[in-house]
Amino acid sequence: YGYSPADDSSFANRIFDPAAVDDFYRA
């Protein structure tokens, strides 16, 4: 319906942290 804004909030951006790779890989 329209362009959607990127979620660049501080907590959401933790998905790009190096530690998030370990969490994702083990999940």
mmCIF file of all heavy atoms, coordinates in Angstrom:
data_MODEL
# 
_entry.id   MODEL 
# 
loop_
_atom_site.group_PDB 
_atom_site.id 
_atom_site.type_symbol 
_atom_site.label_atom_id 
_atom_site.label_alt_id 
_atom_site.label_comp_id 
_atom_site.label_asym_id 
_atom_site.label_entity_id 
_atom_site.label_seq_id 
_atom_site.pdbx_PDB_ins_code 
_atom_site.Cartn_x 
_atom_site.Cartn_y 
_atom_site.Cartn_z 
_atom_site.occupancy 
_atom_site.B_iso_or_equiv 
_atom_site.pdbx_formal_charge 
_atom_site.auth_seq_id 
_atom_site.auth_comp_id 
_atom_site.auth_asym_id 
_atom_site.auth_atom_id 
_atom_site.pdbx_PDB_model_num 
ATOM 1   N N   . TYR A 1 1  ? 0.822  -1.209  0.000  1.00 0.00 ? 1  TYR A N   1 
ATOM 2   C CA  . TYR A 1 1  ? 0.000  0.000   0.000  1.00 0.00 ? 1  TYR A CA  1 
ATOM 3   C C   . TYR A 1 1  ? 0.854  1.256   0.000  1.00 0.00 ? 1  TYR A C   1 
ATOM 4   O O   . TYR A 1 1  ? 0.416  2.321   -0.370 1.00 0.00 ? 1  TYR A O   1 
ATOM 5   C CB  . TYR A 1 1  ? -0.949 0.008   1.202  1.00 0.00 ? 1  TYR A CB  1 
ATOM 6   C CG  . TYR A 1 1  ? -2.208 0.772   0.916  1.00 0.00 ? 1  TYR A CG  1 
ATOM 7   C CD1 . TYR A 1 1  ? -3.258 0.180   0.229  1.00 0.00 ? 1  TYR A CD1 1 
ATOM 8   C CD2 . TYR A 1 1  ? -2.340 2.101   1.299  1.00 0.00 ? 1  TYR A CD2 1 
ATOM 9   C CE1 . TYR A 1 1  ? -4.400 0.878   -0.061 1.00 0.00 ? 1  TYR A CE1 1 
ATOM 10  C CE2 . TYR A 1 1  ? -3.490 2.815   1.016  1.00 0.00 ? 1  TYR A CE2 1 
ATOM 11  C CZ  . TYR A 1 1  ? -4.513 2.201   0.326  1.00 0.00 ? 1  TYR A CZ  1 
ATOM 12  O OH  . TYR A 1 1  ? -5.646 2.909   0.018  1.00 0.00 ? 1  TYR A OH  1 
ATOM 13  N N   . GLY A 1 2  ? 2.076  1.118   0.417  1.00 0.00 ? 2  GLY A N   1 
ATOM 14  C CA  . GLY A 1 2  ? 3.001  2.244   0.411  1.00 0.00 ? 2  GLY A CA  1 
ATOM 15  C C   . GLY A 1 2  ? 4.394  1.766   0.733  1.00 0.00 ? 2  GLY A C   1 
ATOM 16  O O   . GLY A 1 2  ? 4.596  0.607   1.115  1.00 0.00 ? 2  GLY A O   1 
ATOM 17  N N   . TYR A 1 3  ? 5.372  2.642   0.549  1.00 0.00 ? 3  TYR A N   1 
ATOM 18  C CA  . TYR A 1 3  ? 6.736  2.297   0.957  1.00 0.00 ? 3  TYR A CA  1 
ATOM 19  C C   . TYR A 1 3  ? 6.765  2.092   2.468  1.00 0.00 ? 3  TYR A C   1 
ATOM 20  O O   . TYR A 1 3  ? 6.200  2.874   3.234  1.00 0.00 ? 3  TYR A O   1 
ATOM 21  C CB  . TYR A 1 3  ? 7.698  3.421   0.583  1.00 0.00 ? 3  TYR A CB  1 
ATOM 22  C CG  . TYR A 1 3  ? 7.876  3.629   -0.905 1.00 0.00 ? 3  TYR A CG  1 
ATOM 23  C CD1 . TYR A 1 3  ? 7.521  4.826   -1.506 1.00 0.00 ? 3  TYR A CD1 1 
ATOM 24  C CD2 . TYR A 1 3  ? 8.432  2.639   -1.702 1.00 0.00 ? 3  TYR A CD2 1 
ATOM 25  C CE1 . TYR A 1 3  ? 7.697  5.035   -2.873 1.00 0.00 ? 3  TYR A CE1 1 
ATOM 26  C CE2 . TYR A 1 3  ? 8.613  2.824   -3.058 1.00 0.00 ? 3  TYR A CE2 1 
ATOM 27  C CZ  . TYR A 1 3  ? 8.241  4.039   -3.649 1.00 0.00 ? 3  TYR A CZ  1 
ATOM 28  O OH  . TYR A 1 3  ? 8.420  4.217   -4.985 1.00 0.00 ? 3  TYR A OH  1 
ATOM 29  N N   . SER A 1 4  ? 7.451  1.055   2.909  1.00 0.00 ? 4  SER A N   1 
ATOM 30  C CA  . SER A 1 4  ? 7.538  0.738   4.337  1.00 0.00 ? 4  SER A CA  1 
ATOM 31  C C   . SER A 1 4  ? 8.897  1.162   4.871  1.00 0.00 ? 4  SER A C   1 
ATOM 32  O O   . SER A 1 4  ? 9.927  0.920   4.223  1.00 0.00 ? 4  SER A O   1 
ATOM 33  C CB  . SER A 1 4  ? 7.352  -0.758  4.574  1.00 0.00 ? 4  SER A CB  1 
ATOM 34  O OG  . SER A 1 4  ? 6.087  -1.179  4.127  1.00 0.00 ? 4  SER A OG  1 
ATOM 35  N N   . PRO A 1 5  ? 8.922  1.773   6.062  1.00 0.00 ? 5  PRO A N   1 
ATOM 36  C CA  . PRO A 1 5  ? 10.207 2.221   6.620  1.00 0.00 ? 5  PRO A CA  1 
ATOM 37  C C   . PRO A 1 5  ? 11.042 1.065   7.149  1.00 0.00 ? 5  PRO A C   1 
ATOM 38  O O   . PRO A 1 5  ? 10.510 0.060   7.635  1.00 0.00 ? 5  PRO A O   1 
ATOM 39  C CB  . PRO A 1 5  ? 9.792  3.156   7.756  1.00 0.00 ? 5  PRO A CB  1 
ATOM 40  C CG  . PRO A 1 5  ? 8.439  2.670   8.165  1.00 0.00 ? 5  PRO A CG  1 
ATOM 41  C CD  . PRO A 1 5  ? 7.784  2.146   6.912  1.00 0.00 ? 5  PRO A CD  1 
ATOM 42  N N   . ALA A 1 6  ? 12.353 1.216   7.036  1.00 0.00 ? 6  ALA A N   1 
ATOM 43  C CA  . ALA A 1 6  ? 13.269 0.225   7.596  1.00 0.00 ? 6  ALA A CA  1 
ATOM 44  C C   . ALA A 1 6  ? 13.277 0.338   9.113  1.00 0.00 ? 6  ALA A C   1 
ATOM 45  O O   . ALA A 1 6  ? 13.256 1.437   9.668  1.00 0.00 ? 6  ALA A O   1 
ATOM 46  C CB  . ALA A 1 6  ? 14.672 0.450   7.046  1.00 0.00 ? 6  ALA A CB  1 
ATOM 47  N N   . ASP A 1 7  ? 13.300 -0.804  9.777  1.00 0.00 ? 7  ASP A N   1 
ATOM 48  C CA  . ASP A 1 7  ? 13.420 -0.819  11.234 1.00 0.00 ? 7  ASP A CA  1 
ATOM 49  C C   . ASP A 1 7  ? 14.905 -0.763  11.587 1.00 0.00 ? 7  ASP A C   1 
ATOM 50  O O   . ASP A 1 7  ? 15.610 -1.766  11.523 1.00 0.00 ? 7  ASP A O   1 
ATOM 51  C CB  . ASP A 1 7  ? 12.791 -2.085  11.804 1.00 0.00 ? 7  ASP A CB  1 
ATOM 52  C CG  . ASP A 1 7  ? 12.811 -2.104  13.329 1.00 0.00 ? 7  ASP A CG  1 
ATOM 53  O OD1 . ASP A 1 7  ? 13.359 -1.157  13.933 1.00 0.00 ? 7  ASP A OD1 1 
ATOM 54  O OD2 . ASP A 1 7  ? 12.278 -3.071  13.910 1.00 0.00 ? 7  ASP A OD2 1 
ATOM 55  N N   . ASP A 1 8  ? 15.370 0.432   11.934 1.00 0.00 ? 8  ASP A N   1 
ATOM 56  C CA  . ASP A 1 8  ? 16.774 0.583   12.317 1.00 0.00 ? 8  ASP A CA  1 
ATOM 57  C C   . ASP A 1 8  ? 16.906 0.934   13.794 1.00 0.00 ? 8  ASP A C   1 
ATOM 58  O O   . ASP A 1 8  ? 17.876 1.554   14.227 1.00 0.00 ? 8  ASP A O   1 
ATOM 59  C CB  . ASP A 1 8  ? 17.470 1.644   11.455 1.00 0.00 ? 8  ASP A CB  1 
ATOM 60  C CG  . ASP A 1 8  ? 16.829 3.022   11.599 1.00 0.00 ? 8  ASP A CG  1 
ATOM 61  O OD1 . ASP A 1 8  ? 15.772 3.122   12.259 1.00 0.00 ? 8  ASP A OD1 1 
ATOM 62  O OD2 . ASP A 1 8  ? 17.394 3.993   11.048 1.00 0.00 ? 8  ASP A OD2 1 
ATOM 63  N N   . SER A 1 9  ? 15.932 0.510   14.577 1.00 0.00 ? 9  SER A N   1 
ATOM 64  C CA  . SER A 1 9  ? 15.985 0.771   16.016 1.00 0.00 ? 9  SER A CA  1 
ATOM 65  C C   . SER A 1 9  ? 17.121 -0.023  16.644 1.00 0.00 ? 9  SER A C   1 
ATOM 66  O O   . SER A 1 9  ? 17.556 -1.059  16.121 1.00 0.00 ? 9  SER A O   1 
ATOM 67  C CB  . SER A 1 9  ? 14.652 0.404   16.674 1.00 0.00 ? 9  SER A CB  1 
ATOM 68  O OG  . SER A 1 9  ? 14.345 -0.958  16.458 1.00 0.00 ? 9  SER A OG  1 
ATOM 69  N N   . SER A 1 10 ? 17.592 0.437   17.768 1.00 0.00 ? 10 SER A N   1 
ATOM 70  C CA  . SER A 1 10 ? 18.796 -0.122  18.379 1.00 0.00 ? 10 SER A CA  1 
ATOM 71  C C   . SER A 1 10 ? 18.643 -1.596  18.734 1.00 0.00 ? 10 SER A C   1 
ATOM 72  O O   . SER A 1 10 ? 19.552 -2.400  18.510 1.00 0.00 ? 10 SER A O   1 
ATOM 73  C CB  . SER A 1 10 ? 19.160 0.676   19.631 1.00 0.00 ? 10 SER A CB  1 
ATOM 74  O OG  . SER A 1 10 ? 19.423 2.024   19.300 1.00 0.00 ? 10 SER A OG  1 
ATOM 75  N N   . PHE A 1 11 ? 17.496 -1.975  19.286 1.00 0.00 ? 11 PHE A N   1 
ATOM 76  C CA  . PHE A 1 11 ? 17.317 -3.366  19.681 1.00 0.00 ? 11 PHE A CA  1 
ATOM 77  C C   . PHE A 1 11 ? 17.185 -4.268  18.458 1.00 0.00 ? 11 PHE A C   1 
ATOM 78  O O   . PHE A 1 11 ? 17.770 -5.351  18.412 1.00 0.00 ? 11 PHE A O   1 
ATOM 79  C CB  . PHE A 1 11 ? 16.095 -3.518  20.591 1.00 0.00 ? 11 PHE A CB  1 
ATOM 80  C CG  . PHE A 1 11 ? 16.319 -2.971  21.983 1.00 0.00 ? 11 PHE A CG  1 
ATOM 81  C CD1 . PHE A 1 11 ? 15.617 -1.865  22.430 1.00 0.00 ? 11 PHE A CD1 1 
ATOM 82  C CD2 . PHE A 1 11 ? 17.229 -3.572  22.840 1.00 0.00 ? 11 PHE A CD2 1 
ATOM 83  C CE1 . PHE A 1 11 ? 15.819 -1.360  23.698 1.00 0.00 ? 11 PHE A CE1 1 
ATOM 84  C CE2 . PHE A 1 11 ? 17.449 -3.073  24.115 1.00 0.00 ? 11 PHE A CE2 1 
ATOM 85  C CZ  . PHE A 1 11 ? 16.734 -1.961  24.548 1.00 0.00 ? 11 PHE A CZ  1 
ATOM 86  N N   . ALA A 1 12 ? 16.419 -3.822  17.462 1.00 0.00 ? 12 ALA A N   1 
ATOM 87  C CA  . ALA A 1 12 ? 16.259 -4.638  16.252 1.00 0.00 ? 12 ALA A CA  1 
ATOM 88  C C   . ALA A 1 12 ? 17.589 -4.812  15.533 1.00 0.00 ? 12 ALA A C   1 
ATOM 89  O O   . ALA A 1 12 ? 17.861 -5.873  14.944 1.00 0.00 ? 12 ALA A O   1 
ATOM 90  C CB  . ALA A 1 12 ? 15.232 -3.997  15.320 1.00 0.00 ? 12 ALA A CB  1 
ATOM 91  N N   . ASN A 1 13 ? 18.434 -3.799  15.588 1.00 0.00 ? 13 ASN A N   1 
ATOM 92  C CA  . ASN A 1 13 ? 19.724 -3.868  14.900 1.00 0.00 ? 13 ASN A CA  1 
ATOM 93  C C   . ASN A 1 13 ? 20.662 -4.915  15.501 1.00 0.00 ? 13 ASN A C   1 
ATOM 94  O O   . ASN A 1 13 ? 21.685 -5.246  14.900 1.00 0.00 ? 13 ASN A O   1 
ATOM 95  C CB  . ASN A 1 13 ? 20.408 -2.497  14.915 1.00 0.00 ? 13 ASN A CB  1 
ATOM 96  C CG  . ASN A 1 13 ? 20.041 -1.684  13.688 1.00 0.00 ? 13 ASN A CG  1 
ATOM 97  O OD1 . ASN A 1 13 ? 19.491 -2.195  12.725 1.00 0.00 ? 13 ASN A OD1 1 
ATOM 98  N ND2 . ASN A 1 13 ? 20.349 -0.401  13.732 1.00 0.00 ? 13 ASN A ND2 1 
ATOM 99  N N   . ARG A 1 14 ? 20.312 -5.435  16.663 1.00 0.00 ? 14 ARG A N   1 
ATOM 100 C CA  . ARG A 1 14 ? 21.137 -6.493  17.244 1.00 0.00 ? 14 ARG A CA  1 
ATOM 101 C C   . ARG A 1 14 ? 21.125 -7.764  16.387 1.00 0.00 ? 14 ARG A C   1 
ATOM 102 O O   . ARG A 1 14 ? 21.981 -8.627  16.561 1.00 0.00 ? 14 ARG A O   1 
ATOM 103 C CB  . ARG A 1 14 ? 20.654 -6.815  18.653 1.00 0.00 ? 14 ARG A CB  1 
ATOM 104 C CG  . ARG A 1 14 ? 21.022 -5.743  19.679 1.00 0.00 ? 14 ARG A CG  1 
ATOM 105 C CD  . ARG A 1 14 ? 20.538 -6.119  21.065 1.00 0.00 ? 14 ARG A CD  1 
ATOM 106 N NE  . ARG A 1 14 ? 21.059 -5.206  22.078 1.00 0.00 ? 14 ARG A NE  1 
ATOM 107 C CZ  . ARG A 1 14 ? 20.737 -5.259  23.371 1.00 0.00 ? 14 ARG A CZ  1 
ATOM 108 N NH1 . ARG A 1 14 ? 19.895 -6.199  23.797 1.00 0.00 ? 14 ARG A NH1 1 
ATOM 109 N NH2 . ARG A 1 14 ? 21.243 -4.403  24.233 1.00 0.00 ? 14 ARG A NH2 1 
ATOM 110 N N   . ILE A 1 15 ? 20.181 -7.867  15.473 1.00 0.00 ? 15 ILE A N   1 
ATOM 111 C CA  . ILE A 1 15 ? 20.151 -9.033  14.582 1.00 0.00 ? 15 ILE A CA  1 
ATOM 112 C C   . ILE A 1 15 ? 21.379 -9.046  13.679 1.00 0.00 ? 15 ILE A C   1 
ATOM 113 O O   . ILE A 1 15 ? 21.734 -10.074 13.111 1.00 0.00 ? 15 ILE A O   1 
ATOM 114 C CB  . ILE A 1 15 ? 18.856 -9.036  13.733 1.00 0.00 ? 15 ILE A CB  1 
ATOM 115 C CG1 . ILE A 1 15 ? 18.625 -10.409 13.086 1.00 0.00 ? 15 ILE A CG1 1 
ATOM 116 C CG2 . ILE A 1 15 ? 18.880 -7.952  12.671 1.00 0.00 ? 15 ILE A CG2 1 
ATOM 117 C CD1 . ILE A 1 15 ? 18.325 -11.508 14.048 1.00 0.00 ? 15 ILE A CD1 1 
ATOM 118 N N   . PHE A 1 16 ? 22.068 -7.882  13.551 1.00 0.00 ? 16 PHE A N   1 
ATOM 119 C CA  . PHE A 1 16 ? 23.274 -7.795  12.736 1.00 0.00 ? 16 PHE A CA  1 
ATOM 120 C C   . PHE A 1 16 ? 24.553 -7.978  13.562 1.00 0.00 ? 16 PHE A C   1 
ATOM 121 O O   . PHE A 1 16 ? 25.652 -7.919  13.006 1.00 0.00 ? 16 PHE A O   1 
ATOM 122 C CB  . PHE A 1 16 ? 23.340 -6.442  12.018 1.00 0.00 ? 16 PHE A CB  1 
ATOM 123 C CG  . PHE A 1 16 ? 22.162 -6.183  11.118 1.00 0.00 ? 16 PHE A CG  1 
ATOM 124 C CD1 . PHE A 1 16 ? 21.211 -5.240  11.458 1.00 0.00 ? 16 PHE A CD1 1 
ATOM 125 C CD2 . PHE A 1 16 ? 22.001 -6.890  9.938  1.00 0.00 ? 16 PHE A CD2 1 
ATOM 126 C CE1 . PHE A 1 16 ? 20.120 -4.996  10.633 1.00 0.00 ? 16 PHE A CE1 1 
ATOM 127 C CE2 . PHE A 1 16 ? 20.919 -6.661  9.109  1.00 0.00 ? 16 PHE A CE2 1 
ATOM 128 C CZ  . PHE A 1 16 ? 19.969 -5.712  9.454  1.00 0.00 ? 16 PHE A CZ  1 
ATOM 129 N N   . ASP A 1 17 ? 24.429 -8.174  14.864 1.00 0.00 ? 17 ASP A N   1 
ATOM 130 C CA  . ASP A 1 17 ? 25.603 -8.339  15.712 1.00 0.00 ? 17 ASP A CA  1 
ATOM 131 C C   . ASP A 1 17 ? 26.310 -9.663  15.416 1.00 0.00 ? 17 ASP A C   1 
ATOM 132 O O   . ASP A 1 17 ? 25.654 -10.662 15.072 1.00 0.00 ? 17 ASP A O   1 
ATOM 133 C CB  . ASP A 1 17 ? 25.205 -8.313  17.193 1.00 0.00 ? 17 ASP A CB  1 
ATOM 134 C CG  . ASP A 1 17 ? 24.762 -6.945  17.663 1.00 0.00 ? 17 ASP A CG  1 
ATOM 135 O OD1 . ASP A 1 17 ? 24.843 -5.986  16.869 1.00 0.00 ? 17 ASP A OD1 1 
ATOM 136 O OD2 . ASP A 1 17 ? 24.322 -6.843  18.822 1.00 0.00 ? 17 ASP A OD2 1 
ATOM 137 N N   . PRO A 1 18 ? 27.626 -9.711  15.594 1.00 0.00 ? 18 PRO A N   1 
ATOM 138 C CA  . PRO A 1 18 ? 28.328 -10.987 15.431 1.00 0.00 ? 18 PRO A CA  1 
ATOM 139 C C   . PRO A 1 18 ? 27.769 -12.090 16.328 1.00 0.00 ? 18 PRO A C   1 
ATOM 140 O O   . PRO A 1 18 ? 27.681 -13.247 15.914 1.00 0.00 ? 18 PRO A O   1 
ATOM 141 C CB  . PRO A 1 18 ? 29.769 -10.632 15.807 1.00 0.00 ? 18 PRO A CB  1 
ATOM 142 C CG  . PRO A 1 18 ? 29.901 -9.179  15.487 1.00 0.00 ? 18 PRO A CG  1 
ATOM 143 C CD  . PRO A 1 18 ? 28.560 -8.584  15.817 1.00 0.00 ? 18 PRO A CD  1 
ATOM 144 N N   . ALA A 1 19 ? 27.366 -11.735 17.546 1.00 0.00 ? 19 ALA A N   1 
ATOM 145 C CA  . ALA A 1 19 ? 26.822 -12.746 18.466 1.00 0.00 ? 19 ALA A CA  1 
ATOM 146 C C   . ALA A 1 19 ? 25.516 -13.333 17.951 1.00 0.00 ? 19 ALA A C   1 
ATOM 147 O O   . ALA A 1 19 ? 25.183 -14.489 18.262 1.00 0.00 ? 19 ALA A O   1 
ATOM 148 C CB  . ALA A 1 19 ? 26.603 -12.134 19.844 1.00 0.00 ? 19 ALA A CB  1 
ATOM 149 N N   . ALA A 1 20 ? 24.780 -12.562 17.153 1.00 0.00 ? 20 ALA A N   1 
ATOM 150 C CA  . ALA A 1 20 ? 23.513 -13.059 16.620 1.00 0.00 ? 20 ALA A CA  1 
ATOM 151 C C   . ALA A 1 20 ? 23.731 -14.219 15.654 1.00 0.00 ? 20 ALA A C   1 
ATOM 152 O O   . ALA A 1 20 ? 22.837 -15.048 15.465 1.00 0.00 ? 20 ALA A O   1 
ATOM 153 C CB  . ALA A 1 20 ? 22.760 -11.929 15.923 1.00 0.00 ? 20 ALA A CB  1 
ATOM 154 N N   . VAL A 1 21 ? 24.905 -14.281 15.031 1.00 0.00 ? 21 VAL A N   1 
ATOM 155 C CA  . VAL A 1 21 ? 25.207 -15.397 14.132 1.00 0.00 ? 21 VAL A CA  1 
ATOM 156 C C   . VAL A 1 21 ? 25.240 -16.704 14.917 1.00 0.00 ? 21 VAL A C   1 
ATOM 157 O O   . VAL A 1 21 ? 24.704 -17.728 14.482 1.00 0.00 ? 21 VAL A O   1 
ATOM 158 C CB  . VAL A 1 21 ? 26.550 -15.166 13.402 1.00 0.00 ? 21 VAL A CB  1 
ATOM 159 C CG1 . VAL A 1 21 ? 26.891 -16.371 12.527 1.00 0.00 ? 21 VAL A CG1 1 
ATOM 160 C CG2 . VAL A 1 21 ? 26.483 -13.904 12.560 1.00 0.00 ? 21 VAL A CG2 1 
ATOM 161 N N   . ASP A 1 22 ? 25.863 -16.680 16.106 1.00 0.00 ? 22 ASP A N   1 
ATOM 162 C CA  . ASP A 1 22 ? 25.887 -17.883 16.944 1.00 0.00 ? 22 ASP A CA  1 
ATOM 163 C C   . ASP A 1 22 ? 24.473 -18.293 17.351 1.00 0.00 ? 22 ASP A C   1 
ATOM 164 O O   . ASP A 1 22 ? 24.108 -19.472 17.292 1.00 0.00 ? 22 ASP A O   1 
ATOM 165 C CB  . ASP A 1 22 ? 26.721 -17.639 18.202 1.00 0.00 ? 22 ASP A CB  1 
ATOM 166 C CG  . ASP A 1 22 ? 28.204 -17.533 17.905 1.00 0.00 ? 22 ASP A CG  1 
ATOM 167 O OD1 . ASP A 1 22 ? 28.710 -18.357 17.127 1.00 0.00 ? 22 ASP A OD1 1 
ATOM 168 O OD2 . ASP A 1 22 ? 28.844 -16.614 18.430 1.00 0.00 ? 22 ASP A OD2 1 
ATOM 169 N N   . ASP A 1 23 ? 23.668 -17.319 17.769 1.00 0.00 ? 23 ASP A N   1 
ATOM 170 C CA  . ASP A 1 23 ? 22.295 -17.622 18.181 1.00 0.00 ? 23 ASP A CA  1 
ATOM 171 C C   . ASP A 1 23 ? 21.515 -18.241 17.027 1.00 0.00 ? 23 ASP A C   1 
ATOM 172 O O   . ASP A 1 23 ? 20.795 -19.226 17.212 1.00 0.00 ? 23 ASP A O   1 
ATOM 173 C CB  . ASP A 1 23 ? 21.591 -16.351 18.655 1.00 0.00 ? 23 ASP A CB  1 
ATOM 174 C CG  . ASP A 1 23 ? 22.230 -15.771 19.914 1.00 0.00 ? 23 ASP A CG  1 
ATOM 175 O OD1 . ASP A 1 23 ? 22.857 -16.539 20.665 1.00 0.00 ? 23 ASP A OD1 1 
ATOM 176 O OD2 . ASP A 1 23 ? 22.104 -14.549 20.124 1.00 0.00 ? 23 ASP A OD2 1 
ATOM 177 N N   . PHE A 1 24 ? 21.657 -17.659 15.852 1.00 0.00 ? 24 PHE A N   1 
ATOM 178 C CA  . PHE A 1 24 ? 20.912 -18.144 14.691 1.00 0.00 ? 24 PHE A CA  1 
ATOM 179 C C   . PHE A 1 24 ? 21.381 -19.540 14.299 1.00 0.00 ? 24 PHE A C   1 
ATOM 180 O O   . PHE A 1 24 ? 20.572 -20.431 14.032 1.00 0.00 ? 24 PHE A O   1 
ATOM 181 C CB  . PHE A 1 24 ? 21.086 -17.176 13.523 1.00 0.00 ? 24 PHE A CB  1 
ATOM 182 C CG  . PHE A 1 24 ? 20.163 -17.440 12.356 1.00 0.00 ? 24 PHE A CG  1 
ATOM 183 C CD1 . PHE A 1 24 ? 18.945 -16.803 12.265 1.00 0.00 ? 24 PHE A CD1 1 
ATOM 184 C CD2 . PHE A 1 24 ? 20.516 -18.347 11.369 1.00 0.00 ? 24 PHE A CD2 1 
ATOM 185 C CE1 . PHE A 1 24 ? 18.090 -17.042 11.199 1.00 0.00 ? 24 PHE A CE1 1 
ATOM 186 C CE2 . PHE A 1 24 ? 19.668 -18.599 10.289 1.00 0.00 ? 24 PHE A CE2 1 
ATOM 187 C CZ  . PHE A 1 24 ? 18.455 -17.938 10.211 1.00 0.00 ? 24 PHE A CZ  1 
ATOM 188 N N   . TYR A 1 25 ? 22.694 -19.737 14.286 1.00 0.00 ? 25 TYR A N   1 
ATOM 189 C CA  . TYR A 1 25 ? 23.234 -21.023 13.836 1.00 0.00 ? 25 TYR A CA  1 
ATOM 190 C C   . TYR A 1 25 ? 22.766 -22.168 14.726 1.00 0.00 ? 25 TYR A C   1 
ATOM 191 O O   . TYR A 1 25 ? 22.469 -23.267 14.246 1.00 0.00 ? 25 TYR A O   1 
ATOM 192 C CB  . TYR A 1 25 ? 24.765 -20.968 13.804 1.00 0.00 ? 25 TYR A CB  1 
ATOM 193 C CG  . TYR A 1 25 ? 25.377 -22.179 13.129 1.00 0.00 ? 25 TYR A CG  1 
ATOM 194 C CD1 . TYR A 1 25 ? 25.512 -22.220 11.746 1.00 0.00 ? 25 TYR A CD1 1 
ATOM 195 C CD2 . TYR A 1 25 ? 25.797 -23.276 13.869 1.00 0.00 ? 25 TYR A CD2 1 
ATOM 196 C CE1 . TYR A 1 25 ? 26.041 -23.341 11.119 1.00 0.00 ? 25 TYR A CE1 1 
ATOM 197 C CE2 . TYR A 1 25 ? 26.322 -24.399 13.253 1.00 0.00 ? 25 TYR A CE2 1 
ATOM 198 C CZ  . TYR A 1 25 ? 26.457 -24.417 11.874 1.00 0.00 ? 25 TYR A CZ  1 
ATOM 199 O OH  . TYR A 1 25 ? 26.970 -25.524 11.255 1.00 0.00 ? 25 TYR A OH  1 
ATOM 200 N N   . ARG A 1 26 ? 22.689 -21.914 16.024 1.00 0.00 ? 26 ARG A N   1 
ATOM 201 C CA  . ARG A 1 26 ? 22.310 -22.972 16.979 1.00 0.00 ? 26 ARG A CA  1 
ATOM 202 C C   . ARG A 1 26 ? 20.805 -23.213 17.016 1.00 0.00 ? 26 ARG A C   1 
ATOM 203 O O   . ARG A 1 26 ? 20.355 -24.240 17.531 1.00 0.00 ? 26 ARG A O   1 
ATOM 204 C CB  . ARG A 1 26 ? 22.805 -22.620 18.378 1.00 0.00 ? 26 ARG A CB  1 
ATOM 205 C CG  . ARG A 1 26 ? 24.311 -22.655 18.548 1.00 0.00 ? 26 ARG A CG  1 
ATOM 206 C CD  . ARG A 1 26 ? 24.680 -22.584 20.023 1.00 0.00 ? 26 ARG A CD  1 
ATOM 207 N NE  . ARG A 1 26 ? 24.254 -21.320 20.616 1.00 0.00 ? 26 ARG A NE  1 
ATOM 208 C CZ  . ARG A 1 26 ? 25.071 -20.293 20.858 1.00 0.00 ? 26 ARG A CZ  1 
ATOM 209 N NH1 . ARG A 1 26 ? 26.364 -20.392 20.548 1.00 0.00 ? 26 ARG A NH1 1 
ATOM 210 N NH2 . ARG A 1 26 ? 24.624 -19.192 21.405 1.00 0.00 ? 26 ARG A NH2 1 
ATOM 211 N N   . ALA A 1 27 ? 20.028 -22.275 16.516 1.00 0.00 ? 27 ALA A N   1 
ATOM 212 C CA  . ALA A 1 27 ? 18.570 -22.342 16.671 1.00 0.00 ? 27 ALA A CA  1 
ATOM 213 C C   . ALA A 1 27 ? 17.956 -23.451 15.805 1.00 0.00 ? 27 ALA A C   1 
ATOM 214 O O   . ALA A 1 27 ? 18.470 -23.766 14.727 1.00 0.00 ? 27 ALA A O   1 
ATOM 215 C CB  . ALA A 1 27 ? 17.948 -21.004 16.306 1.00 0.00 ? 27 ALA A CB  1 
# 
